[in-house]
N, C-alpha and C. Protein backbone atom coordinates (compact mmCIF):
# COMPACT_ATOMS: atom_id res chain seq x y z
N MET A 1 185.05 -37.66 24.15
CA MET A 1 185.48 -39.05 24.34
C MET A 1 186.93 -39.23 23.88
N LEU A 2 187.29 -38.57 22.75
CA LEU A 2 188.65 -38.66 22.23
C LEU A 2 189.64 -38.06 23.23
N VAL A 3 189.25 -36.93 23.85
CA VAL A 3 190.13 -36.27 24.82
C VAL A 3 190.43 -37.20 26.00
N LEU A 4 189.39 -37.82 26.54
CA LEU A 4 189.55 -38.73 27.68
C LEU A 4 190.41 -39.93 27.29
N SER A 5 190.14 -40.50 26.12
CA SER A 5 190.90 -41.67 25.66
C SER A 5 192.37 -41.34 25.49
N LEU A 6 192.64 -40.18 24.86
CA LEU A 6 194.02 -39.80 24.61
C LEU A 6 194.74 -39.48 25.92
N CYS A 7 194.05 -38.85 26.86
CA CYS A 7 194.64 -38.55 28.17
C CYS A 7 195.01 -39.84 28.92
N LEU A 8 194.14 -40.84 28.84
CA LEU A 8 194.41 -42.12 29.50
C LEU A 8 195.59 -42.83 28.85
N ILE A 9 195.61 -42.85 27.52
CA ILE A 9 196.70 -43.50 26.79
C ILE A 9 198.02 -42.79 27.09
N HIS A 10 197.97 -41.46 27.10
CA HIS A 10 199.17 -40.67 27.36
C HIS A 10 199.67 -40.90 28.79
N LEU A 11 198.74 -40.99 29.72
CA LEU A 11 199.10 -41.24 31.12
C LEU A 11 199.80 -42.59 31.27
N PHE A 12 199.25 -43.61 30.61
CA PHE A 12 199.89 -44.93 30.66
C PHE A 12 201.28 -44.87 30.01
N ALA A 13 201.42 -44.09 28.94
CA ALA A 13 202.70 -43.98 28.23
C ALA A 13 203.76 -43.35 29.12
N VAL A 14 203.41 -42.26 29.83
CA VAL A 14 204.40 -41.59 30.67
C VAL A 14 204.62 -42.33 31.99
N ALA A 15 203.62 -43.13 32.40
CA ALA A 15 203.71 -43.83 33.69
C ALA A 15 204.62 -45.05 33.62
N VAL A 16 204.76 -45.65 32.42
CA VAL A 16 205.65 -46.81 32.28
C VAL A 16 207.09 -46.36 32.56
N PRO A 17 207.77 -46.98 33.53
CA PRO A 17 209.12 -46.55 33.89
C PRO A 17 210.08 -46.53 32.71
N GLY A 18 210.83 -45.46 32.60
CA GLY A 18 211.81 -45.28 31.54
C GLY A 18 212.82 -44.23 31.98
N PRO A 19 213.64 -43.71 31.07
CA PRO A 19 214.62 -42.69 31.44
C PRO A 19 214.02 -41.47 32.12
N ASP A 20 212.87 -40.99 31.64
CA ASP A 20 212.23 -39.82 32.26
C ASP A 20 211.90 -40.10 33.73
N PHE A 21 211.32 -41.27 33.97
CA PHE A 21 210.95 -41.66 35.34
C PHE A 21 212.18 -41.76 36.23
N LEU A 22 213.25 -42.38 35.71
CA LEU A 22 214.46 -42.56 36.50
C LEU A 22 215.10 -41.23 36.86
N VAL A 23 215.16 -40.32 35.89
CA VAL A 23 215.76 -39.01 36.14
C VAL A 23 214.93 -38.22 37.15
N THR A 24 213.60 -38.28 37.01
CA THR A 24 212.72 -37.55 37.92
C THR A 24 212.80 -38.11 39.34
N SER A 25 212.75 -39.43 39.46
CA SER A 25 212.80 -40.05 40.79
C SER A 25 214.15 -39.80 41.46
N ARG A 26 215.21 -39.87 40.69
CA ARG A 26 216.54 -39.61 41.26
C ARG A 26 216.68 -38.16 41.71
N THR A 27 216.11 -37.24 40.93
CA THR A 27 216.14 -35.83 41.32
C THR A 27 215.37 -35.63 42.63
N GLY A 28 214.27 -36.35 42.77
CA GLY A 28 213.51 -36.28 44.01
C GLY A 28 214.32 -36.79 45.20
N LEU A 29 215.16 -37.79 44.96
CA LEU A 29 215.95 -38.39 46.03
C LEU A 29 217.14 -37.52 46.45
N VAL A 30 217.81 -36.92 45.47
CA VAL A 30 219.07 -36.22 45.78
C VAL A 30 219.02 -34.72 45.54
N GLY A 31 217.91 -34.20 45.04
CA GLY A 31 217.82 -32.78 44.74
C GLY A 31 216.85 -32.04 45.65
N THR A 32 216.68 -30.77 45.35
CA THR A 32 215.75 -29.93 46.10
C THR A 32 214.41 -29.89 45.37
N LYS A 33 213.41 -29.30 46.00
CA LYS A 33 212.10 -29.16 45.35
C LYS A 33 212.19 -28.28 44.11
N LYS A 34 213.06 -27.30 44.14
CA LYS A 34 213.29 -26.46 42.96
C LYS A 34 213.85 -27.29 41.82
N ASN A 35 214.79 -28.19 42.15
CA ASN A 35 215.36 -29.08 41.13
C ASN A 35 214.29 -29.99 40.53
N ILE A 36 213.38 -30.48 41.37
CA ILE A 36 212.29 -31.34 40.91
C ILE A 36 211.41 -30.58 39.92
N PHE A 37 211.07 -29.35 40.26
CA PHE A 37 210.26 -28.52 39.38
C PHE A 37 210.97 -28.31 38.04
N GLN A 38 212.28 -28.04 38.10
CA GLN A 38 213.04 -27.78 36.88
C GLN A 38 213.12 -29.00 35.98
N VAL A 39 213.39 -30.17 36.58
CA VAL A 39 213.53 -31.37 35.75
C VAL A 39 212.19 -31.78 35.15
N ALA A 40 211.10 -31.60 35.91
CA ALA A 40 209.75 -31.89 35.39
C ALA A 40 209.42 -30.94 34.24
N LEU A 41 209.81 -29.69 34.38
CA LEU A 41 209.56 -28.70 33.32
C LEU A 41 210.35 -29.04 32.07
N GLY A 42 211.61 -29.48 32.25
CA GLY A 42 212.44 -29.86 31.10
C GLY A 42 211.88 -31.06 30.36
N ILE A 43 211.45 -32.08 31.10
CA ILE A 43 210.85 -33.26 30.49
C ILE A 43 209.58 -32.89 29.74
N THR A 44 208.78 -32.02 30.35
CA THR A 44 207.52 -31.60 29.74
C THR A 44 207.76 -30.84 28.44
N LEU A 45 208.77 -29.97 28.42
CA LEU A 45 209.08 -29.24 27.18
C LEU A 45 209.49 -30.22 26.08
N GLY A 46 210.33 -31.20 26.44
CA GLY A 46 210.71 -32.20 25.46
C GLY A 46 209.52 -32.97 24.93
N SER A 47 208.61 -33.34 25.82
CA SER A 47 207.40 -34.06 25.44
C SER A 47 206.52 -33.20 24.53
N THR A 48 206.44 -31.92 24.81
CA THR A 48 205.64 -31.01 23.99
C THR A 48 206.23 -30.88 22.59
N ILE A 49 207.55 -30.81 22.52
CA ILE A 49 208.21 -30.73 21.20
C ILE A 49 207.94 -31.99 20.39
N TRP A 50 208.03 -33.16 21.06
CA TRP A 50 207.70 -34.41 20.36
C TRP A 50 206.25 -34.39 19.87
N SER A 51 205.35 -33.89 20.69
CA SER A 51 203.93 -33.82 20.32
C SER A 51 203.73 -32.97 19.07
N LEU A 52 204.37 -31.80 19.06
CA LEU A 52 204.21 -30.89 17.92
C LEU A 52 204.86 -31.45 16.67
N LEU A 53 206.02 -32.09 16.82
CA LEU A 53 206.67 -32.72 15.67
C LEU A 53 205.79 -33.83 15.09
N SER A 54 205.17 -34.60 15.97
CA SER A 54 204.26 -35.67 15.52
C SER A 54 203.08 -35.08 14.77
N LEU A 55 202.60 -33.98 15.30
CA LEU A 55 201.44 -33.32 14.71
C LEU A 55 201.74 -32.81 13.31
N PHE A 56 202.98 -32.38 13.09
CA PHE A 56 203.34 -31.78 11.80
C PHE A 56 204.20 -32.69 10.94
N GLY A 57 204.06 -34.01 11.14
CA GLY A 57 204.62 -34.95 10.17
C GLY A 57 205.94 -35.60 10.52
N LEU A 58 206.18 -35.91 11.79
CA LEU A 58 207.41 -36.56 12.19
C LEU A 58 207.59 -37.92 11.51
N GLN A 59 206.51 -38.69 11.48
CA GLN A 59 206.57 -40.03 10.88
C GLN A 59 206.88 -39.95 9.39
N ILE A 60 206.27 -38.98 8.70
CA ILE A 60 206.51 -38.81 7.26
C ILE A 60 207.97 -38.42 7.01
N LEU A 61 208.49 -37.52 7.87
CA LEU A 61 209.89 -37.09 7.74
C LEU A 61 210.84 -38.26 7.87
N PHE A 62 210.59 -39.14 8.83
CA PHE A 62 211.45 -40.31 9.03
C PHE A 62 211.34 -41.29 7.87
N GLU A 63 210.17 -41.36 7.25
CA GLU A 63 209.99 -42.26 6.11
C GLU A 63 210.79 -41.77 4.90
N TYR A 64 210.82 -40.44 4.69
CA TYR A 64 211.54 -39.87 3.55
C TYR A 64 213.04 -39.78 3.81
N TYR A 65 213.40 -39.53 5.07
CA TYR A 65 214.82 -39.38 5.43
C TYR A 65 215.15 -40.29 6.62
N PRO A 66 215.24 -41.58 6.37
CA PRO A 66 215.48 -42.53 7.47
C PRO A 66 216.80 -42.32 8.20
N PHE A 67 217.78 -41.70 7.53
CA PHE A 67 219.07 -41.47 8.18
C PHE A 67 218.94 -40.49 9.35
N LEU A 68 217.95 -39.59 9.28
CA LEU A 68 217.73 -38.65 10.38
C LEU A 68 217.29 -39.40 11.64
N ASN A 69 216.47 -40.41 11.42
CA ASN A 69 216.02 -41.22 12.55
C ASN A 69 217.20 -41.97 13.17
N LYS A 70 218.07 -42.51 12.32
CA LYS A 70 219.24 -43.23 12.81
C LYS A 70 220.15 -42.32 13.63
N ILE A 71 220.39 -41.12 13.10
CA ILE A 71 221.26 -40.16 13.78
C ILE A 71 220.68 -39.80 15.15
N MET A 72 219.38 -39.56 15.18
CA MET A 72 218.73 -39.18 16.42
C MET A 72 218.80 -40.32 17.45
N LEU A 73 218.58 -41.54 17.00
CA LEU A 73 218.64 -42.69 17.89
C LEU A 73 220.04 -42.90 18.45
N LEU A 74 221.05 -42.75 17.59
CA LEU A 74 222.43 -42.94 18.03
C LEU A 74 222.87 -41.83 18.99
N CYS A 75 222.46 -40.60 18.72
CA CYS A 75 222.78 -39.49 19.64
C CYS A 75 222.10 -39.72 20.99
N GLY A 76 220.88 -40.20 20.95
CA GLY A 76 220.15 -40.50 22.18
C GLY A 76 220.85 -41.59 22.98
N SER A 77 221.37 -42.61 22.30
CA SER A 77 222.06 -43.70 23.00
C SER A 77 223.34 -43.21 23.67
N VAL A 78 224.05 -42.30 23.00
CA VAL A 78 225.28 -41.73 23.59
C VAL A 78 224.95 -40.95 24.86
N TYR A 79 223.87 -40.17 24.82
CA TYR A 79 223.50 -39.38 26.00
C TYR A 79 223.08 -40.29 27.16
N LEU A 80 222.32 -41.34 26.87
CA LEU A 80 221.90 -42.27 27.93
C LEU A 80 223.11 -42.99 28.53
N MET A 81 224.10 -43.31 27.70
CA MET A 81 225.34 -43.91 28.21
C MET A 81 226.05 -42.94 29.15
N TYR A 82 226.03 -41.66 28.77
CA TYR A 82 226.66 -40.64 29.62
C TYR A 82 225.96 -40.55 30.97
N LEU A 83 224.63 -40.57 30.97
CA LEU A 83 223.88 -40.55 32.22
C LEU A 83 224.20 -41.77 33.07
N ALA A 84 224.29 -42.93 32.43
CA ALA A 84 224.62 -44.16 33.15
C ALA A 84 225.99 -44.04 33.81
N TYR A 85 226.93 -43.47 33.09
CA TYR A 85 228.29 -43.31 33.62
C TYR A 85 228.31 -42.38 34.84
N THR A 86 227.61 -41.25 34.74
CA THR A 86 227.61 -40.28 35.85
C THR A 86 226.93 -40.87 37.09
N ILE A 87 225.84 -41.62 36.89
CA ILE A 87 225.14 -42.22 38.03
C ILE A 87 226.00 -43.32 38.67
N TYR A 88 226.63 -44.15 37.83
CA TYR A 88 227.47 -45.23 38.36
C TYR A 88 228.67 -44.67 39.13
N LYS A 89 229.22 -43.57 38.62
CA LYS A 89 230.39 -42.95 39.26
C LYS A 89 230.04 -42.42 40.65
N GLN A 90 228.77 -41.99 40.82
CA GLN A 90 228.33 -41.44 42.09
C GLN A 90 227.78 -42.51 43.05
N ALA A 91 227.72 -43.73 42.59
CA ALA A 91 227.05 -44.79 43.36
C ALA A 91 227.68 -45.03 44.74
N ASN A 92 228.98 -44.88 44.82
CA ASN A 92 229.68 -45.17 46.08
C ASN A 92 229.96 -43.93 46.91
N HIS A 93 229.44 -42.78 46.46
CA HIS A 93 229.62 -41.56 47.23
C HIS A 93 228.51 -41.45 48.27
N PRO A 94 228.78 -40.87 49.43
CA PRO A 94 227.75 -40.73 50.46
C PRO A 94 226.56 -39.92 49.97
N TYR A 95 225.38 -40.30 50.41
CA TYR A 95 224.15 -39.61 50.04
C TYR A 95 224.14 -38.18 50.58
N LYS A 96 223.77 -37.24 49.76
CA LYS A 96 223.61 -35.85 50.22
C LYS A 96 222.68 -35.12 49.27
N ILE A 97 222.01 -34.10 49.79
CA ILE A 97 221.16 -33.25 48.95
C ILE A 97 222.06 -32.44 48.05
N GLN A 98 221.79 -32.47 46.76
CA GLN A 98 222.60 -31.73 45.80
C GLN A 98 221.87 -30.46 45.37
N SER A 99 222.57 -29.35 45.47
CA SER A 99 221.99 -28.10 44.99
C SER A 99 223.05 -27.33 44.22
N ASN A 100 223.79 -28.05 43.37
CA ASN A 100 224.87 -27.47 42.59
C ASN A 100 224.31 -26.48 41.58
N PRO A 101 224.63 -25.18 41.72
CA PRO A 101 224.08 -24.19 40.81
C PRO A 101 224.58 -24.33 39.38
N CYS A 102 225.69 -25.08 39.22
CA CYS A 102 226.25 -25.24 37.88
C CYS A 102 225.52 -26.34 37.10
N GLN A 103 224.73 -27.14 37.78
CA GLN A 103 224.01 -28.22 37.10
C GLN A 103 222.61 -27.74 36.72
N SER A 104 222.29 -27.86 35.46
CA SER A 104 220.97 -27.45 35.00
C SER A 104 220.03 -28.65 35.01
N PHE A 105 219.15 -28.71 35.99
CA PHE A 105 218.19 -29.81 36.06
C PHE A 105 217.15 -29.69 34.95
N PHE A 106 216.86 -28.46 34.54
CA PHE A 106 215.94 -28.26 33.42
C PHE A 106 216.51 -28.90 32.16
N LEU A 107 217.79 -28.64 31.89
CA LEU A 107 218.44 -29.21 30.71
C LEU A 107 218.54 -30.72 30.82
N LEU A 108 218.80 -31.20 32.03
CA LEU A 108 218.85 -32.65 32.26
C LEU A 108 217.53 -33.31 31.87
N GLY A 109 216.42 -32.76 32.33
CA GLY A 109 215.11 -33.31 32.00
C GLY A 109 214.80 -33.19 30.52
N PHE A 110 215.15 -32.04 29.94
CA PHE A 110 214.86 -31.77 28.54
C PHE A 110 215.58 -32.74 27.61
N ILE A 111 216.89 -32.88 27.79
CA ILE A 111 217.68 -33.76 26.91
C ILE A 111 217.33 -35.23 27.15
N THR A 112 217.04 -35.57 28.40
CA THR A 112 216.66 -36.95 28.69
C THR A 112 215.39 -37.33 27.94
N ASN A 113 214.41 -36.44 27.92
CA ASN A 113 213.18 -36.73 27.19
C ASN A 113 213.41 -36.82 25.70
N LEU A 114 214.21 -35.91 25.15
CA LEU A 114 214.47 -35.93 23.71
C LEU A 114 215.20 -37.19 23.28
N SER A 115 215.98 -37.78 24.18
CA SER A 115 216.74 -38.99 23.86
C SER A 115 216.06 -40.26 24.36
N ASN A 116 214.86 -40.10 24.91
CA ASN A 116 214.13 -41.23 25.50
C ASN A 116 213.57 -42.14 24.40
N PRO A 117 214.02 -43.39 24.29
CA PRO A 117 213.52 -44.28 23.23
C PRO A 117 212.02 -44.53 23.32
N LYS A 118 211.50 -44.55 24.55
CA LYS A 118 210.06 -44.76 24.73
C LYS A 118 209.28 -43.59 24.14
N ALA A 119 209.79 -42.37 24.37
CA ALA A 119 209.11 -41.18 23.84
C ALA A 119 209.18 -41.15 22.32
N ILE A 120 210.35 -41.50 21.78
CA ILE A 120 210.52 -41.49 20.33
C ILE A 120 209.53 -42.44 19.66
N LEU A 121 209.44 -43.66 20.19
CA LEU A 121 208.55 -44.67 19.60
C LEU A 121 207.09 -44.29 19.78
N TYR A 122 206.75 -43.78 20.95
CA TYR A 122 205.36 -43.41 21.25
C TYR A 122 204.88 -42.26 20.36
N PHE A 123 205.64 -41.19 20.30
CA PHE A 123 205.19 -40.02 19.54
C PHE A 123 205.28 -40.22 18.03
N ALA A 124 206.21 -41.07 17.59
CA ALA A 124 206.35 -41.29 16.14
C ALA A 124 205.37 -42.34 15.62
N SER A 125 204.66 -43.02 16.51
CA SER A 125 203.74 -44.07 16.04
C SER A 125 202.34 -43.89 16.61
N ILE A 126 202.13 -44.32 17.85
CA ILE A 126 200.78 -44.30 18.45
C ILE A 126 200.19 -42.90 18.47
N PHE A 127 200.97 -41.94 18.95
CA PHE A 127 200.48 -40.57 19.09
C PHE A 127 200.08 -39.99 17.73
N THR A 128 200.91 -40.24 16.71
CA THR A 128 200.62 -39.73 15.38
C THR A 128 199.32 -40.29 14.84
N VAL A 129 199.10 -41.59 15.04
CA VAL A 129 197.87 -42.24 14.57
C VAL A 129 196.64 -41.67 15.28
N LEU A 130 196.75 -41.45 16.58
CA LEU A 130 195.62 -40.94 17.36
C LEU A 130 195.18 -39.55 16.91
N LEU A 131 196.14 -38.74 16.47
CA LEU A 131 195.81 -37.36 16.06
C LEU A 131 195.61 -37.21 14.56
N SER A 132 195.75 -38.30 13.82
CA SER A 132 195.72 -38.21 12.36
C SER A 132 194.36 -37.80 11.79
N HIS A 133 193.28 -37.99 12.55
CA HIS A 133 191.94 -37.69 12.01
C HIS A 133 191.28 -36.51 12.73
N THR A 134 192.08 -35.69 13.40
CA THR A 134 191.53 -34.52 14.08
C THR A 134 191.98 -33.25 13.37
N LYS A 135 191.19 -32.19 13.51
CA LYS A 135 191.55 -30.91 12.92
C LYS A 135 192.71 -30.30 13.68
N ILE A 136 193.49 -29.46 12.99
CA ILE A 136 194.72 -28.94 13.55
C ILE A 136 194.48 -28.15 14.84
N TRP A 137 193.42 -27.34 14.87
CA TRP A 137 193.16 -26.52 16.05
C TRP A 137 192.80 -27.39 17.26
N PHE A 138 192.06 -28.47 16.99
CA PHE A 138 191.68 -29.37 18.07
C PHE A 138 192.89 -30.17 18.55
N SER A 139 193.76 -30.53 17.62
CA SER A 139 194.97 -31.26 17.98
C SER A 139 195.87 -30.40 18.86
N LEU A 140 195.95 -29.10 18.58
CA LEU A 140 196.77 -28.21 19.39
C LEU A 140 196.22 -28.08 20.81
N ILE A 141 194.89 -28.08 20.92
CA ILE A 141 194.27 -28.06 22.25
C ILE A 141 194.61 -29.33 23.01
N LEU A 142 194.59 -30.47 22.30
CA LEU A 142 194.94 -31.74 22.93
C LEU A 142 196.40 -31.75 23.39
N VAL A 143 197.29 -31.19 22.56
CA VAL A 143 198.70 -31.11 22.93
C VAL A 143 198.87 -30.29 24.21
N PHE A 144 198.12 -29.19 24.31
CA PHE A 144 198.19 -28.35 25.52
C PHE A 144 197.73 -29.12 26.75
N ILE A 145 196.62 -29.85 26.61
CA ILE A 145 196.10 -30.65 27.73
C ILE A 145 197.10 -31.72 28.16
N LEU A 146 197.71 -32.39 27.18
CA LEU A 146 198.68 -33.44 27.48
C LEU A 146 199.97 -32.88 28.08
N THR A 147 200.29 -31.65 27.71
CA THR A 147 201.46 -30.98 28.30
C THR A 147 201.25 -30.77 29.79
N ILE A 148 200.06 -30.28 30.16
CA ILE A 148 199.73 -30.08 31.57
C ILE A 148 199.74 -31.42 32.31
N GLU A 149 199.21 -32.45 31.66
CA GLU A 149 199.16 -33.78 32.27
C GLU A 149 200.57 -34.32 32.52
N SER A 150 201.46 -34.16 31.54
CA SER A 150 202.84 -34.64 31.68
C SER A 150 203.55 -33.94 32.82
N PHE A 151 203.42 -32.61 32.87
CA PHE A 151 204.09 -31.85 33.92
C PHE A 151 203.59 -32.26 35.31
N ALA A 152 202.28 -32.39 35.44
CA ALA A 152 201.70 -32.78 36.73
C ALA A 152 202.20 -34.16 37.16
N TRP A 153 202.29 -35.10 36.22
CA TRP A 153 202.73 -36.46 36.55
C TRP A 153 204.17 -36.48 37.05
N PHE A 154 205.07 -35.86 36.29
CA PHE A 154 206.48 -35.91 36.67
C PHE A 154 206.78 -35.08 37.91
N LEU A 155 206.04 -34.00 38.11
CA LEU A 155 206.18 -33.23 39.34
C LEU A 155 205.75 -34.09 40.54
N LEU A 156 204.66 -34.83 40.36
CA LEU A 156 204.16 -35.71 41.42
C LEU A 156 205.18 -36.81 41.74
N ILE A 157 205.78 -37.39 40.70
CA ILE A 157 206.79 -38.43 40.90
C ILE A 157 207.98 -37.88 41.68
N GLY A 158 208.47 -36.73 41.25
CA GLY A 158 209.61 -36.13 41.92
C GLY A 158 209.34 -35.81 43.38
N LEU A 159 208.19 -35.22 43.65
CA LEU A 159 207.82 -34.88 45.02
C LEU A 159 207.60 -36.13 45.87
N GLY A 160 207.06 -37.17 45.24
CA GLY A 160 206.85 -38.43 45.95
C GLY A 160 208.16 -39.04 46.41
N PHE A 161 209.17 -39.01 45.54
CA PHE A 161 210.47 -39.58 45.89
C PHE A 161 211.27 -38.68 46.82
N SER A 162 210.81 -37.44 47.01
CA SER A 162 211.51 -36.54 47.93
C SER A 162 211.05 -36.74 49.37
N HIS A 163 210.07 -37.62 49.57
CA HIS A 163 209.56 -37.88 50.92
C HIS A 163 210.67 -38.48 51.79
N SER A 164 210.70 -38.09 53.05
CA SER A 164 211.79 -38.49 53.95
C SER A 164 211.92 -40.00 54.10
N THR A 165 210.79 -40.72 54.12
CA THR A 165 210.83 -42.18 54.28
C THR A 165 211.54 -42.84 53.10
N ILE A 166 211.21 -42.39 51.88
CA ILE A 166 211.82 -42.94 50.67
C ILE A 166 213.29 -42.57 50.62
N LYS A 167 213.62 -41.34 51.05
CA LYS A 167 215.02 -40.92 51.05
C LYS A 167 215.85 -41.76 52.03
N GLN A 168 215.26 -42.10 53.16
CA GLN A 168 215.97 -42.94 54.13
C GLN A 168 216.23 -44.33 53.57
N PHE A 169 215.25 -44.87 52.85
CA PHE A 169 215.43 -46.17 52.20
C PHE A 169 216.54 -46.09 51.16
N TYR A 170 216.52 -45.02 50.37
CA TYR A 170 217.54 -44.83 49.34
C TYR A 170 218.93 -44.71 49.96
N GLN A 171 219.01 -43.99 51.09
CA GLN A 171 220.28 -43.79 51.76
C GLN A 171 220.90 -45.12 52.19
N GLY A 172 220.03 -46.05 52.59
CA GLY A 172 220.51 -47.35 53.03
C GLY A 172 220.96 -48.25 51.90
N TYR A 173 220.42 -48.06 50.73
CA TYR A 173 220.73 -48.94 49.58
C TYR A 173 221.21 -48.15 48.37
N GLN A 174 221.82 -47.00 48.61
CA GLN A 174 222.20 -46.08 47.53
C GLN A 174 223.05 -46.74 46.46
N SER A 175 224.10 -47.43 46.88
CA SER A 175 225.02 -48.02 45.91
C SER A 175 224.31 -49.00 44.98
N HIS A 176 223.48 -49.86 45.55
CA HIS A 176 222.77 -50.87 44.74
C HIS A 176 221.75 -50.20 43.81
N ILE A 177 221.00 -49.24 44.35
CA ILE A 177 219.96 -48.57 43.55
C ILE A 177 220.60 -47.80 42.40
N ASP A 178 221.69 -47.09 42.67
CA ASP A 178 222.35 -46.31 41.62
C ASP A 178 222.92 -47.21 40.53
N LYS A 179 223.48 -48.35 40.94
CA LYS A 179 224.06 -49.26 39.95
C LYS A 179 222.97 -49.90 39.09
N VAL A 180 221.83 -50.21 39.69
CA VAL A 180 220.70 -50.74 38.92
C VAL A 180 220.18 -49.67 37.96
N SER A 181 220.06 -48.44 38.44
CA SER A 181 219.60 -47.34 37.60
C SER A 181 220.54 -47.13 36.41
N ALA A 182 221.85 -47.16 36.67
CA ALA A 182 222.83 -47.01 35.60
C ALA A 182 222.69 -48.13 34.57
N SER A 183 222.46 -49.34 35.07
CA SER A 183 222.29 -50.50 34.17
C SER A 183 221.06 -50.35 33.29
N VAL A 184 219.98 -49.79 33.86
CA VAL A 184 218.76 -49.58 33.08
C VAL A 184 219.00 -48.55 31.97
N PHE A 185 219.74 -47.49 32.28
CA PHE A 185 220.08 -46.51 31.25
C PHE A 185 220.90 -47.13 30.13
N VAL A 186 221.83 -48.00 30.51
CA VAL A 186 222.63 -48.70 29.49
C VAL A 186 221.73 -49.58 28.62
N LEU A 187 220.77 -50.25 29.24
CA LEU A 187 219.84 -51.09 28.51
C LEU A 187 219.05 -50.27 27.49
N PHE A 188 218.55 -49.12 27.92
CA PHE A 188 217.81 -48.25 27.00
C PHE A 188 218.72 -47.75 25.87
N ALA A 189 219.99 -47.49 26.18
CA ALA A 189 220.92 -47.05 25.16
C ALA A 189 221.12 -48.13 24.10
N PHE A 190 221.26 -49.38 24.54
CA PHE A 190 221.42 -50.48 23.59
C PHE A 190 220.15 -50.72 22.77
N LEU A 191 219.00 -50.46 23.38
CA LEU A 191 217.74 -50.56 22.63
C LEU A 191 217.72 -49.54 21.49
N LEU A 192 218.20 -48.34 21.77
CA LEU A 192 218.27 -47.31 20.73
C LEU A 192 219.24 -47.71 19.62
N ILE A 193 220.40 -48.24 20.02
CA ILE A 193 221.37 -48.67 19.02
C ILE A 193 220.79 -49.78 18.15
N GLY A 194 220.11 -50.75 18.80
CA GLY A 194 219.47 -51.83 18.05
C GLY A 194 218.41 -51.32 17.09
N GLU A 195 217.63 -50.34 17.58
CA GLU A 195 216.59 -49.75 16.73
C GLU A 195 217.22 -49.05 15.52
N ALA A 196 218.34 -48.37 15.73
CA ALA A 196 219.02 -47.67 14.64
C ALA A 196 219.59 -48.64 13.61
N LEU A 197 220.12 -49.76 14.07
CA LEU A 197 220.72 -50.75 13.16
C LEU A 197 219.67 -51.50 12.36
N ILE A 198 218.50 -51.71 12.96
CA ILE A 198 217.43 -52.46 12.29
C ILE A 198 216.79 -51.63 11.19
N LYS A 199 216.61 -50.33 11.44
CA LYS A 199 215.91 -49.46 10.48
C LYS A 199 216.72 -49.27 9.21
C-alpha cells in the first residue's frame, strides 16, 4: 500500500509543470529522440540524487547548516535565469531541429533538476516524511521504483511533444511560446531567491 501511495504522490509531484517539464517539452519540440532520451536521463539522475539525499538526512543537514540551503537556492536561481536568457534569445530565430553535438542534453536535464525549486521543496519535505518510518533497504527499493517512474514520465513527455502536430503548432507560435517559457523560468528563479531570503 505504501509503494502505491508513494508512486501516486511522486507521479503528481513530477507531473505538475515546472522547470523539468519545460526543459523536457522544449527538447521534444526542437531536439531529436536521442536528445529527449538524454534530457530525461539527466533529470532522472538528478531526481535520484535528491531521493538519496533525502533518505540520508537532507532535511537535518539544512536545519544544522541553513547557509547551505541558501547557497543552493541562489545557485539554482542563477541557473534558471541563464536558461530563461538562452530561451528568450532564441525566441525570434526560425524553428529547426537542433542536433548540436556540443550541447549536452544530459547535463541540461541534470542541472535543471538539481536547481528545480519544486524538486528541492518536495524532496526536502514531503518525500523525507514519507520515508521516515521505513527501513533503509525498503526505502532504497522505493527509490529505485521512483527512479524508473520518473524516467518513464519525462521520456513520455518528450516523445509526446516531438509529435509532428505539436511541432507544427509550436512552429506557428514559437516566439510567443518561447517568451512565455522564459518568463516562467524567471518566475521560478525569483521563487528560489525569495525562499533563500526568507530562510
